PDB file of N, CA and C in Angstrom:
ATOM      1  N   MET A   1       3.822  42.233 -20.405  1.00  0.00           N
ATOM      2  CA  MET A   1       4.242  40.851 -20.365  1.00  0.00           C
ATOM      3  C   MET A   1       3.938  40.223 -21.721  1.00  0.00           C
ATOM      4  N   THR A   2       4.916  39.570 -22.321  1.00  0.00           N
ATOM      5  CA  THR A   2       4.722  38.945 -23.624  1.00  0.00           C
ATOM      6  C   THR A   2       4.134  37.556 -23.448  1.00  0.00           C
ATOM      7  N   ASP A   3       3.743  36.955 -24.577  1.00  0.00           N
ATOM      8  CA  ASP A   3       3.198  35.604 -24.534  1.00  0.00           C
ATOM      9  C   ASP A   3       4.230  34.607 -24.041  1.00  0.00           C
ATOM     10  N   ASP A   4       5.510  34.794 -24.424  1.00  0.00           N
ATOM     11  CA  ASP A   4       6.563  33.883 -23.986  1.00  0.00           C
ATOM     12  C   ASP A   4       6.762  33.945 -22.476  1.00  0.00           C
ATOM     13  N   GLN A   5       6.703  35.153 -21.914  1.00  0.00           N
ATOM     14  CA  GLN A   5       6.885  35.296 -20.478  1.00  0.00           C
ATOM     15  C   GLN A   5       5.738  34.673 -19.708  1.00  0.00           C
ATOM     16  N   SER A   6       4.517  34.833 -20.185  1.00  0.00           N
ATOM     17  CA  SER A   6       3.387  34.247 -19.484  1.00  0.00           C
ATOM     18  C   SER A   6       3.395  32.735 -19.603  1.00  0.00           C
ATOM     19  N   ALA A   7       3.856  32.203 -20.724  1.00  0.00           N
ATOM     20  CA  ALA A   7       3.947  30.749 -20.871  1.00  0.00           C
ATOM     21  C   ALA A   7       5.022  30.189 -19.958  1.00  0.00           C
ATOM     22  N   ASP A   8       6.145  30.923 -19.807  1.00  0.00           N
ATOM     23  CA  ASP A   8       7.214  30.459 -18.937  1.00  0.00           C
ATOM     24  C   ASP A   8       6.810  30.517 -17.471  1.00  0.00           C
ATOM     25  N   SER A   9       6.026  31.515 -17.077  1.00  0.00           N
ATOM     26  CA  SER A   9       5.640  31.627 -15.678  1.00  0.00           C
ATOM     27  C   SER A   9       4.648  30.537 -15.282  1.00  0.00           C
ATOM     28  N   GLY A  10       3.951  29.945 -16.217  1.00  0.00           N
ATOM     29  CA  GLY A  10       3.029  28.867 -15.910  1.00  0.00           C
ATOM     30  C   GLY A  10       3.717  27.544 -15.673  1.00  0.00           C
ATOM     31  N   ASN A  11       4.935  27.397 -16.135  1.00  0.00           N
ATOM     32  CA  ASN A  11       5.677  26.159 -15.965  1.00  0.00           C
ATOM     33  C   ASN A  11       6.528  26.272 -14.708  1.00  0.00           C
ATOM     34  N   GLN A  12       6.252  25.460 -13.692  1.00  0.00           N
ATOM     35  CA  GLN A  12       6.917  25.579 -12.403  1.00  0.00           C
ATOM     36  C   GLN A  12       8.057  24.579 -12.210  1.00  0.00           C
ATOM     37  N   ARG A  13       8.487  23.876 -13.235  1.00  0.00           N
ATOM     38  CA  ARG A  13       9.571  22.907 -13.088  1.00  0.00           C
ATOM     39  C   ARG A  13      10.870  23.647 -12.815  1.00  0.00           C
ATOM     40  N   ARG A  14      11.590  23.196 -11.811  1.00  0.00           N
ATOM     41  CA  ARG A  14      12.864  23.820 -11.457  1.00  0.00           C
ATOM     42  C   ARG A  14      13.953  22.765 -11.509  1.00  0.00           C
ATOM     43  N   ASP A  15      14.880  22.934 -12.427  1.00  0.00           N
ATOM     44  CA  ASP A  15      16.027  22.043 -12.503  1.00  0.00           C
ATOM     45  C   ASP A  15      17.086  22.515 -11.523  1.00  0.00           C
ATOM     46  N   VAL A  16      17.786  21.556 -10.933  1.00  0.00           N
ATOM     47  CA  VAL A  16      18.869  21.859 -10.015  1.00  0.00           C
ATOM     48  C   VAL A  16      20.172  21.564 -10.740  1.00  0.00           C
ATOM     49  N   VAL A  17      20.970  22.592 -10.964  1.00  0.00           N
ATOM     50  CA  VAL A  17      22.244  22.431 -11.660  1.00  0.00           C
ATOM     51  C   VAL A  17      23.308  22.083 -10.626  1.00  0.00           C
ATOM     52  N   VAL A  18      23.951  20.925 -10.819  1.00  0.00           N
ATOM     53  CA  VAL A  18      24.962  20.430  -9.886  1.00  0.00           C
ATOM     54  C   VAL A  18      26.204  20.013 -10.659  1.00  0.00           C
ATOM     55  N   PRO A  19      27.331  19.841  -9.968  1.00  0.00           N
ATOM     56  CA  PRO A  19      28.526  19.320 -10.642  1.00  0.00           C
ATOM     57  C   PRO A  19      28.296  17.891 -11.133  1.00  0.00           C
ATOM     58  N   LEU A  20      29.079  17.475 -12.107  1.00  0.00           N
ATOM     59  CA  LEU A  20      28.906  16.157 -12.720  1.00  0.00           C
ATOM     60  C   LEU A  20      29.024  15.031 -11.699  1.00  0.00           C
ATOM     61  N   ARG A  21      29.956  15.134 -10.773  1.00  0.00           N
ATOM     62  CA  ARG A  21      30.151  14.089  -9.755  1.00  0.00           C
ATOM     63  C   ARG A  21      28.903  13.926  -8.890  1.00  0.00           C
ATOM     64  N   VAL A  22      28.302  15.026  -8.488  1.00  0.00           N
ATOM     65  CA  VAL A  22      27.078  14.976  -7.682  1.00  0.00           C
ATOM     66  C   VAL A  22      25.936  14.398  -8.509  1.00  0.00           C
ATOM     67  N   TYR A  23      25.842  14.792  -9.767  1.00  0.00           N
ATOM     68  CA  TYR A  23      24.790  14.278 -10.647  1.00  0.00           C
ATOM     69  C   TYR A  23      24.877  12.761 -10.771  1.00  0.00           C
ATOM     70  N   LYS A  24      26.096  12.250 -10.977  1.00  0.00           N
ATOM     71  CA  LYS A  24      26.271  10.800 -11.104  1.00  0.00           C
ATOM     72  C   LYS A  24      25.877  10.085  -9.817  1.00  0.00           C
ATOM     73  N   THR A  25      26.275  10.637  -8.688  1.00  0.00           N
ATOM     74  CA  THR A  25      25.950  10.020  -7.403  1.00  0.00           C
ATOM     75  C   THR A  25      24.447  10.019  -7.162  1.00  0.00           C
ATOM     76  N   VAL A  26      23.808  11.146  -7.396  1.00  0.00           N
ATOM     77  CA  VAL A  26      22.358  11.236  -7.202  1.00  0.00           C
ATOM     78  C   VAL A  26      21.634  10.274  -8.134  1.00  0.00           C
ATOM     79  N   THR A  27      22.061  10.217  -9.383  1.00  0.00           N
ATOM     80  CA  THR A  27      21.404   9.347 -10.357  1.00  0.00           C
ATOM     81  C   THR A  27      21.537   7.879  -9.972  1.00  0.00           C
ATOM     82  N   VAL A  28      22.735   7.464  -9.605  1.00  0.00           N
ATOM     83  CA  VAL A  28      22.961   6.052  -9.267  1.00  0.00           C
ATOM     84  C   VAL A  28      22.162   5.647  -8.039  1.00  0.00           C
ATOM     85  N   PHE A  29      22.295   6.397  -6.954  1.00  0.00           N
ATOM     86  CA  PHE A  29      21.660   5.970  -5.715  1.00  0.00           C
ATOM     87  C   PHE A  29      20.150   6.176  -5.712  1.00  0.00           C
ATOM     88  N   SER A  30      19.657   7.205  -6.364  1.00  0.00           N
ATOM     89  CA  SER A  30      18.207   7.379  -6.412  1.00  0.00           C
ATOM     90  C   SER A  30      17.555   6.314  -7.286  1.00  0.00           C
ATOM     91  N   THR A  31      18.212   5.949  -8.381  1.00  0.00           N
ATOM     92  CA  THR A  31      17.674   4.880  -9.223  1.00  0.00           C
ATOM     93  C   THR A  31      17.715   3.547  -8.489  1.00  0.00           C
ATOM     94  N   LEU A  32      18.819   3.287  -7.788  1.00  0.00           N
ATOM     95  CA  LEU A  32      18.934   2.050  -7.012  1.00  0.00           C
ATOM     96  C   LEU A  32      17.845   1.978  -5.943  1.00  0.00           C
ATOM     97  N   PHE A  33      17.651   3.064  -5.210  1.00  0.00           N
ATOM     98  CA  PHE A  33      16.617   3.093  -4.182  1.00  0.00           C
ATOM     99  C   PHE A  33      15.227   2.947  -4.787  1.00  0.00           C
ATOM    100  N   ALA A  34      14.976   3.629  -5.890  1.00  0.00           N
ATOM    101  CA  ALA A  34      13.656   3.573  -6.515  1.00  0.00           C
ATOM    102  C   ALA A  34      13.329   2.163  -6.989  1.00  0.00           C
ATOM    103  N   VAL A  35      14.269   1.528  -7.663  1.00  0.00           N
ATOM    104  CA  VAL A  35      14.026   0.168  -8.161  1.00  0.00           C
ATOM    105  C   VAL A  35      13.843  -0.801  -7.001  1.00  0.00           C
ATOM    106  N   ALA A  36      14.698  -0.709  -5.992  1.00  0.00           N
ATOM    107  CA  ALA A  36      14.601  -1.621  -4.847  1.00  0.00           C
ATOM    108  C   ALA A  36      13.283  -1.441  -4.103  1.00  0.00           C
ATOM    109  N   SER A  37      12.847  -0.209  -3.916  1.00  0.00           N
ATOM    110  CA  SER A  37      11.605  -0.002  -3.180  1.00  0.00           C
ATOM    111  C   SER A  37      10.377  -0.414  -3.985  1.00  0.00           C
ATOM    112  N   VAL A  38      10.405  -0.241  -5.292  1.00  0.00           N
ATOM    113  CA  VAL A  38       9.273  -0.691  -6.108  1.00  0.00           C
ATOM    114  C   VAL A  38       9.193  -2.218  -6.105  1.00  0.00           C
ATOM    115  N   VAL A  39      10.322  -2.883  -6.260  1.00  0.00           N
ATOM    116  CA  VAL A  39      10.330  -4.353  -6.226  1.00  0.00           C
ATOM    117  C   VAL A  39       9.886  -4.847  -4.851  1.00  0.00           C
ATOM    118  N   ALA A  40      10.407  -4.240  -3.785  1.00  0.00           N
ATOM    119  CA  ALA A  40      10.005  -4.633  -2.435  1.00  0.00           C
ATOM    120  C   ALA A  40       8.514  -4.378  -2.215  1.00  0.00           C
ATOM    121  N   GLY A  41       8.009  -3.294  -2.760  1.00  0.00           N
ATOM    122  CA  GLY A  41       6.585  -3.002  -2.631  1.00  0.00           C
ATOM    123  C   GLY A  41       5.714  -4.056  -3.291  1.00  0.00           C
ATOM    124  N   PHE A  42       6.107  -4.487  -4.490  1.00  0.00           N
ATOM    125  CA  PHE A  42       5.335  -5.539  -5.151  1.00  0.00           C
ATOM    126  C   PHE A  42       5.444  -6.864  -4.405  1.00  0.00           C
ATOM    127  N   ILE A  43       6.601  -7.145  -3.824  1.00  0.00           N
ATOM    128  CA  ILE A  43       6.745  -8.366  -3.024  1.00  0.00           C
ATOM    129  C   ILE A  43       5.833  -8.300  -1.803  1.00  0.00           C
ATOM    130  N   LEU A  44       5.784  -7.152  -1.142  1.00  0.00           N
ATOM    131  CA  LEU A  44       4.902  -7.005   0.018  1.00  0.00           C
ATOM    132  C   LEU A  44       3.432  -7.152  -0.366  1.00  0.00           C
ATOM    133  N   VAL A  45       3.040  -6.603  -1.488  1.00  0.00           N
ATOM    134  CA  VAL A  45       1.650  -6.747  -1.937  1.00  0.00           C
ATOM    135  C   VAL A  45       1.352  -8.213  -2.251  1.00  0.00           C
ATOM    136  N   ASP A  46       2.301  -8.907  -2.867  1.00  0.00           N
ATOM    137  CA  ASP A  46       2.106 -10.335  -3.143  1.00  0.00           C
ATOM    138  C   ASP A  46       1.988 -11.139  -1.854  1.00  0.00           C
ATOM    139  N   VAL A  47       2.817 -10.815  -0.861  1.00  0.00           N
ATOM    140  CA  VAL A  47       2.746 -11.519   0.422  1.00  0.00           C
ATOM    141  C   VAL A  47       1.411 -11.234   1.105  1.00  0.00           C
ATOM    142  N   ALA A  48       0.973  -9.994   1.074  1.00  0.00           N
ATOM    143  CA  ALA A  48      -0.274  -9.612   1.741  1.00  0.00           C
ATOM    144  C   ALA A  48      -1.492 -10.267   1.107  1.00  0.00           C
ATOM    145  N   THR A  49      -1.459 -10.461  -0.199  1.00  0.00           N
ATOM    146  CA  THR A  49      -2.618 -11.034  -0.894  1.00  0.00           C
ATOM    147  C   THR A  49      -2.419 -12.507  -1.237  1.00  0.00           C
ATOM    148  N   GLN A  50      -1.335 -13.099  -0.753  1.00  0.00           N
ATOM    149  CA  GLN A  50      -0.998 -14.503  -1.041  1.00  0.00           C
ATOM    150  C   GLN A  50      -1.023 -14.752  -2.544  1.00  0.00           C
ATOM    151  N   LEU A  51      -0.219 -13.965  -3.255  1.00  0.00           N
ATOM    152  CA  LEU A  51      -0.088 -14.030  -4.716  1.00  0.00           C
ATOM    153  C   LEU A  51      -1.428 -13.821  -5.414  1.00  0.00           C
ATOM    154  N   ALA A  52      -2.225 -12.900  -4.882  1.00  0.00           N
ATOM    155  CA  ALA A  52      -3.526 -12.511  -5.436  1.00  0.00           C
ATOM    156  C   ALA A  52      -4.524 -13.656  -5.441  1.00  0.00           C
ATOM    157  N   SER A  53      -4.346 -14.612  -4.527  1.00  0.00           N
ATOM    158  CA  SER A  53      -5.288 -15.729  -4.461  1.00  0.00           C
ATOM    159  C   SER A  53      -6.076 -15.745  -3.154  1.00  0.00           C
ATOM    160  N   ALA A  54      -5.794 -14.840  -2.247  1.00  0.00           N
ATOM    161  CA  ALA A  54      -6.485 -14.820  -0.962  1.00  0.00           C
ATOM    162  C   ALA A  54      -7.839 -14.133  -1.100  1.00  0.00           C
ATOM    163  N   PRO A  55      -8.839 -14.650  -0.396  1.00  0.00           N
ATOM    164  CA  PRO A  55     -10.114 -13.932  -0.363  1.00  0.00           C
ATOM    165  C   PRO A  55      -9.934 -12.591   0.359  1.00  0.00           C
ATOM    166  N   VAL A  56     -10.845 -11.693   0.142  1.00  0.00           N
ATOM    167  CA  VAL A  56     -10.731 -10.344   0.698  1.00  0.00           C
ATOM    168  C   VAL A  56     -10.611 -10.382   2.222  1.00  0.00           C
ATOM    169  N   SER A  57     -11.267 -11.302   2.869  1.00  0.00           N
ATOM    170  CA  SER A  57     -11.227 -11.367   4.332  1.00  0.00           C
ATOM    171  C   SER A  57      -9.861 -11.801   4.863  1.00  0.00           C
ATOM    172  N   GLU A  58      -9.026 -12.419   4.041  1.00  0.00           N
ATOM    173  CA  GLU A  58      -7.716 -12.904   4.491  1.00  0.00           C
ATOM    174  C   GLU A  58      -6.550 -12.011   4.072  1.00  0.00           C
ATOM    175  N   ILE A  59      -6.827 -10.897   3.444  1.00  0.00           N
ATOM    176  CA  ILE A  59      -5.756  -9.994   3.014  1.00  0.00           C
ATOM    177  C   ILE A  59      -5.170  -9.297   4.237  1.00  0.00           C
ATOM    178  N   ASP A  60      -3.855  -9.271   4.324  1.00  0.00           N
ATOM    179  CA  ASP A  60      -3.148  -8.586   5.406  1.00  0.00           C
ATOM    180  C   ASP A  60      -3.025  -7.107   5.025  1.00  0.00           C
ATOM    181  N   VAL A  61      -3.963  -6.313   5.517  1.00  0.00           N
ATOM    182  CA  VAL A  61      -4.079  -4.913   5.097  1.00  0.00           C
ATOM    183  C   VAL A  61      -2.844  -4.076   5.444  1.00  0.00           C
ATOM    184  N   PRO A  62      -2.277  -4.162   6.649  1.00  0.00           N
ATOM    185  CA  PRO A  62      -1.086  -3.337   6.929  1.00  0.00           C
ATOM    186  C   PRO A  62       0.098  -3.654   6.008  1.00  0.00           C
ATOM    187  N   VAL A  63       0.293  -4.911   5.686  1.00  0.00           N
ATOM    188  CA  VAL A  63       1.389  -5.281   4.783  1.00  0.00           C
ATOM    189  C   VAL A  63       1.103  -4.772   3.373  1.00  0.00           C
ATOM    190  N   ALA A  64      -0.144  -4.856   2.941  1.00  0.00           N
ATOM    191  CA  ALA A  64      -0.506  -4.345   1.616  1.00  0.00           C
ATOM    192  C   ALA A  64      -0.306  -2.832   1.540  1.00  0.00           C
ATOM    193  N   ILE A  65      -0.684  -2.125   2.591  1.00  0.00           N
ATOM    194  CA  ILE A  65      -0.487  -0.674   2.617  1.00  0.00           C
ATOM    195  C   ILE A  65       1.002  -0.339   2.628  1.00  0.00           C
ATOM    196  N   ALA A  66       1.797  -1.113   3.367  1.00  0.00           N
ATOM    197  CA  ALA A  66       3.248  -0.897   3.371  1.00  0.00           C
ATOM    198  C   ALA A  66       3.829  -1.122   1.978  1.00  0.00           C
ATOM    199  N   GLY A  67       3.324  -2.121   1.267  1.00  0.00           N
ATOM    200  CA  GLY A  67       3.785  -2.378  -0.096  1.00  0.00           C
ATOM    201  C   GLY A  67       3.445  -1.244  -1.044  1.00  0.00           C
ATOM    202  N   ILE A  68       2.231  -0.759  -0.951  1.00  0.00           N
ATOM    203  CA  ILE A  68       1.832   0.367  -1.804  1.00  0.00           C
ATOM    204  C   ILE A  68       2.634   1.617  -1.438  1.00  0.00           C
ATOM    205  N   GLY A  69       2.894   1.801  -0.147  1.00  0.00           N
ATOM    206  CA  GLY A  69       3.719   2.927   0.288  1.00  0.00           C
ATOM    207  C   GLY A  69       5.137   2.842  -0.251  1.00  0.00           C
ATOM    208  N   ALA A  70       5.701   1.631  -0.283  1.00  0.00           N
ATOM    209  CA  ALA A  70       7.051   1.454  -0.827  1.00  0.00           C
ATOM    210  C   ALA A  70       7.082   1.762  -2.319  1.00  0.00           C
ATOM    211  N   ILE A  71       6.047   1.345  -3.034  1.00  0.00           N
ATOM    212  CA  ILE A  71       5.970   1.648  -4.469  1.00  0.00           C
ATOM    213  C   ILE A  71       5.882   3.158  -4.684  1.00  0.00           C
ATOM    214  N   LEU A  72       5.052   3.825  -3.910  1.00  0.00           N
ATOM    215  CA  LEU A  72       4.922   5.282  -4.029  1.00  0.00           C
ATOM    216  C   LEU A  72       6.221   5.996  -3.649  1.00  0.00           C
ATOM    217  N   ALA A  73       6.910   5.505  -2.622  1.00  0.00           N
ATOM    218  CA  ALA A  73       8.181   6.127  -2.219  1.00  0.00           C
ATOM    219  C   ALA A  73       9.211   6.021  -3.337  1.00  0.00           C
ATOM    220  N   GLY A  74       9.295   4.869  -3.974  1.00  0.00           N
ATOM    221  CA  GLY A  74      10.220   4.714  -5.092  1.00  0.00           C
ATOM    222  C   GLY A  74       9.876   5.627  -6.246  1.00  0.00           C
ATOM    223  N   THR A  75       8.601   5.786  -6.498  1.00  0.00           N
ATOM    224  CA  THR A  75       8.159   6.669  -7.578  1.00  0.00           C
ATOM    225  C   THR A  75       8.522   8.122  -7.291  1.00  0.00           C
ATOM    226  N   VAL A  76       8.292   8.560  -6.077  1.00  0.00           N
ATOM    227  CA  VAL A  76       8.589   9.945  -5.700  1.00  0.00           C
ATOM    228  C   VAL A  76      10.090  10.219  -5.765  1.00  0.00           C
ATOM    229  N   VAL A  77      10.894   9.292  -5.258  1.00  0.00           N
ATOM    230  CA  VAL A  77      12.352   9.477  -5.293  1.00  0.00           C
ATOM    231  C   VAL A  77      12.834   9.586  -6.730  1.00  0.00           C
ATOM    232  N   TYR A  78      12.345   8.722  -7.592  1.00  0.00           N
ATOM    233  CA  TYR A  78      12.779   8.770  -8.988  1.00  0.00           C
ATOM    234  C   TYR A  78      12.323  10.064  -9.664  1.00  0.00           C
ATOM    235  N   ALA A  79      11.106  10.477  -9.390  1.00  0.00           N
ATOM    236  CA  ALA A  79      10.593  11.706 -10.013  1.00  0.00           C
ATOM    237  C   ALA A  79      11.407  12.926  -9.594  1.00  0.00           C
ATOM    238  N   PHE A  80      11.755  13.025  -8.327  1.00  0.00           N
ATOM    239  CA  PHE A  80      12.543  14.170  -7.881  1.00  0.00           C
ATOM    240  C   PHE A  80      13.990  14.094  -8.344  1.00  0.00           C
ATOM    241  N   SER A  81      14.517  12.897  -8.538  1.00  0.00           N
ATOM    242  CA  SER A  81      15.913  12.786  -8.985  1.00  0.00           C
ATOM    243  C   SER A  81      16.074  13.230 -10.432  1.00  0.00           C
ATOM    244  N   THR A  82      15.000  13.253 -11.196  1.00  0.00           N
ATOM    245  CA  THR A  82      15.103  13.687 -12.590  1.00  0.00           C
ATOM    246  C   THR A  82      15.244  15.199 -12.716  1.00  0.00           C
ATOM    247  N   ARG A  83      15.128  15.932 -11.635  1.00  0.00           N
ATOM    248  CA  ARG A  83      15.277  17.390 -11.680  1.00  0.00           C
ATOM    249  C   ARG A  83      16.734  17.833 -11.695  1.00  0.00           C
ATOM    250  N   PHE A  84      17.657  16.938 -11.379  1.00  0.00           N
ATOM    251  CA  PHE A  84      19.070  17.299 -11.351  1.00  0.00           C
ATOM    252  C   PHE A  84      19.649  17.267 -12.760  1.00  0.00           C
ATOM    253  N   ARG A  85      20.533  18.219 -13.038  1.00  0.00           N
ATOM    254  CA  ARG A  85      21.242  18.246 -14.309  1.00  0.00           C
ATOM    255  C   ARG A  85      22.563  18.967 -14.106  1.00  0.00           C
ATOM    256  N   THR A  86      23.459  18.822 -15.081  1.00  0.00           N
ATOM    257  CA  THR A  86      24.743  19.513 -15.024  1.00  0.00           C
ATOM    258  C   THR A  86      24.756  20.621 -16.068  1.00  0.00           C
ATOM    259  N   GLU A  87      25.733  21.490 -15.973  1.00  0.00           N
ATOM    260  CA  GLU A  87      25.886  22.552 -16.971  1.00  0.00           C
ATOM    261  C   GLU A  87      26.144  21.960 -18.349  1.00  0.00           C
ATOM    262  N   GLU A  88      26.866  20.848 -18.395  1.00  0.00           N
ATOM    263  CA  GLU A  88      27.234  20.238 -19.668  1.00  0.00           C
ATOM    264  C   GLU A  88      26.058  19.573 -20.378  1.00  0.00           C
ATOM    265  N   MET A  89      24.940  19.416 -19.702  1.00  0.00           N
ATOM    266  CA  MET A  89      23.797  18.722 -20.292  1.00  0.00           C
ATOM    267  C   MET A  89      23.043  19.587 -21.290  1.00  0.00           C
ATOM    268  N   GLY A  90      23.437  20.809 -21.465  1.00  0.00           N
ATOM    269  CA  GLY A  90      22.762  21.663 -22.433  1.00  0.00           C
ATOM    270  C   GLY A  90      21.669  22.469 -21.792  1.00  0.00           C
ATOM    271  N   LYS A  91      20.959  23.185 -22.647  1.00  0.00           N
ATOM    272  CA  LYS A  91      19.936  24.079 -22.124  1.00  0.00           C
ATOM    273  C   LYS A  91      18.664  23.314 -21.797  1.00  0.00           C
ATOM    274  N   SER A  92      17.948  23.847 -20.850  1.00  0.00           N
ATOM    275  CA  SER A  92      16.657  23.302 -20.498  1.00  0.00           C
ATOM    276  C   SER A  92      15.651  23.691 -21.572  1.00  0.00           C
ATOM    277  N   LYS A  93      14.632  22.894 -21.745  1.00  0.00           N
ATOM    278  CA  LYS A  93      13.626  23.233 -22.760  1.00  0.00           C
ATOM    279  C   LYS A  93      12.852  24.490 -22.379  1.00  0.00           C
ATOM    280  N   ASP A  94      12.964  24.913 -21.118  1.00  0.00           N
ATOM    281  CA  ASP A  94      12.297  26.131 -20.677  1.00  0.00           C
ATOM    282  C   ASP A  94      13.046  27.390 -21.087  1.00  0.00           C
ATOM    283  N   ASP A  95      14.327  27.267 -21.456  1.00  0.00           N
ATOM    284  CA  ASP A  95      15.137  28.426 -21.824  1.00  0.00           C
ATOM    285  C   ASP A  95      14.971  28.733 -23.303  1.00  0.00           C
ATOM    286  N   ALA A  96      13.884  29.385 -23.663  1.00  0.00           N
ATOM    287  CA  ALA A  96      13.591  29.657 -25.070  1.00  0.00           C
ATOM    288  C   ALA A  96      14.415  30.812 -25.617  1.00  0.00           C
ATOM    289  N   ASP A  97      14.954  31.667 -24.742  1.00  0.00           N
ATOM    290  CA  ASP A  97      15.688  32.829 -25.227  1.00  0.00           C
ATOM    291  C   ASP A  97      17.130  32.523 -25.613  1.00  0.00           C
ATOM    292  N   LYS A  98      17.640  31.348 -25.272  1.00  0.00           N
ATOM    293  CA  LYS A  98      19.013  30.986 -25.625  1.00  0.00           C
ATOM    294  C   LYS A  98      19.022  30.241 -26.957  1.00  0.00           C
ATOM    295  N   PRO A  99      19.955  30.570 -27.838  1.00  0.00           N
ATOM    296  CA  PRO A  99      20.014  29.861 -29.124  1.00  0.00           C
ATOM    297  C   PRO A  99      20.543  28.440 -28.953  1.00  0.00           C
ATOM    298  N   SER A 100      20.103  27.566 -29.818  1.00  0.00           N
ATOM    299  CA  SER A 100      20.552  26.180 -29.795  1.00  0.00           C
ATOM    300  C   SER A 100      21.892  26.051 -30.507  1.00  0.00           C
ATOM    301  N   ASP A 101      22.747  25.146 -30.034  1.00  0.00           N
ATOM    302  CA  ASP A 101      24.058  24.936 -30.640  1.00  0.00           C
ATOM    303  C   ASP A 101      24.082  23.726 -31.572  1.00  0.00           C
ATOM    304  N   ASN A 102      22.979  23.061 -31.750  1.00  0.00           N
ATOM    305  CA  ASN A 102      22.995  21.816 -32.522  1.00  0.00           C
ATOM    306  C   ASN A 102      22.440  22.024 -33.932  1.00  0.00           C
ATOM    307  N   GLY A 103      23.259  22.520 -34.796  1.00  0.00           N
ATOM    308  CA  GLY A 103      23.075  22.609 -36.197  1.00  0.00           C
ATOM    309  C   GLY A 103      21.944  23.216 -36.810  1.00  0.00           C
TER     310      GLY A 103
END
């Protein structure tokens, strides 16, 4: 096993190659969902803490947890949506054995 092979086996990122139409759809809707859920999560946290002015005893814990959960859900959706790519997007940085076409 060469050094390049051992370095590649340590990197577990897997890109999903899809047609351009699917890539556009996934990108649009996952970004829309991620942004909406993060904004909704911050709104829920603000409501639960009364704009960060409520004493600790008056914080609505279930609403605050729901807000943090919405923020995390948006983050996870966005992170997984970045794994999609098309054939036209070029080579992955993990493909060291393929020559580059850019000058």
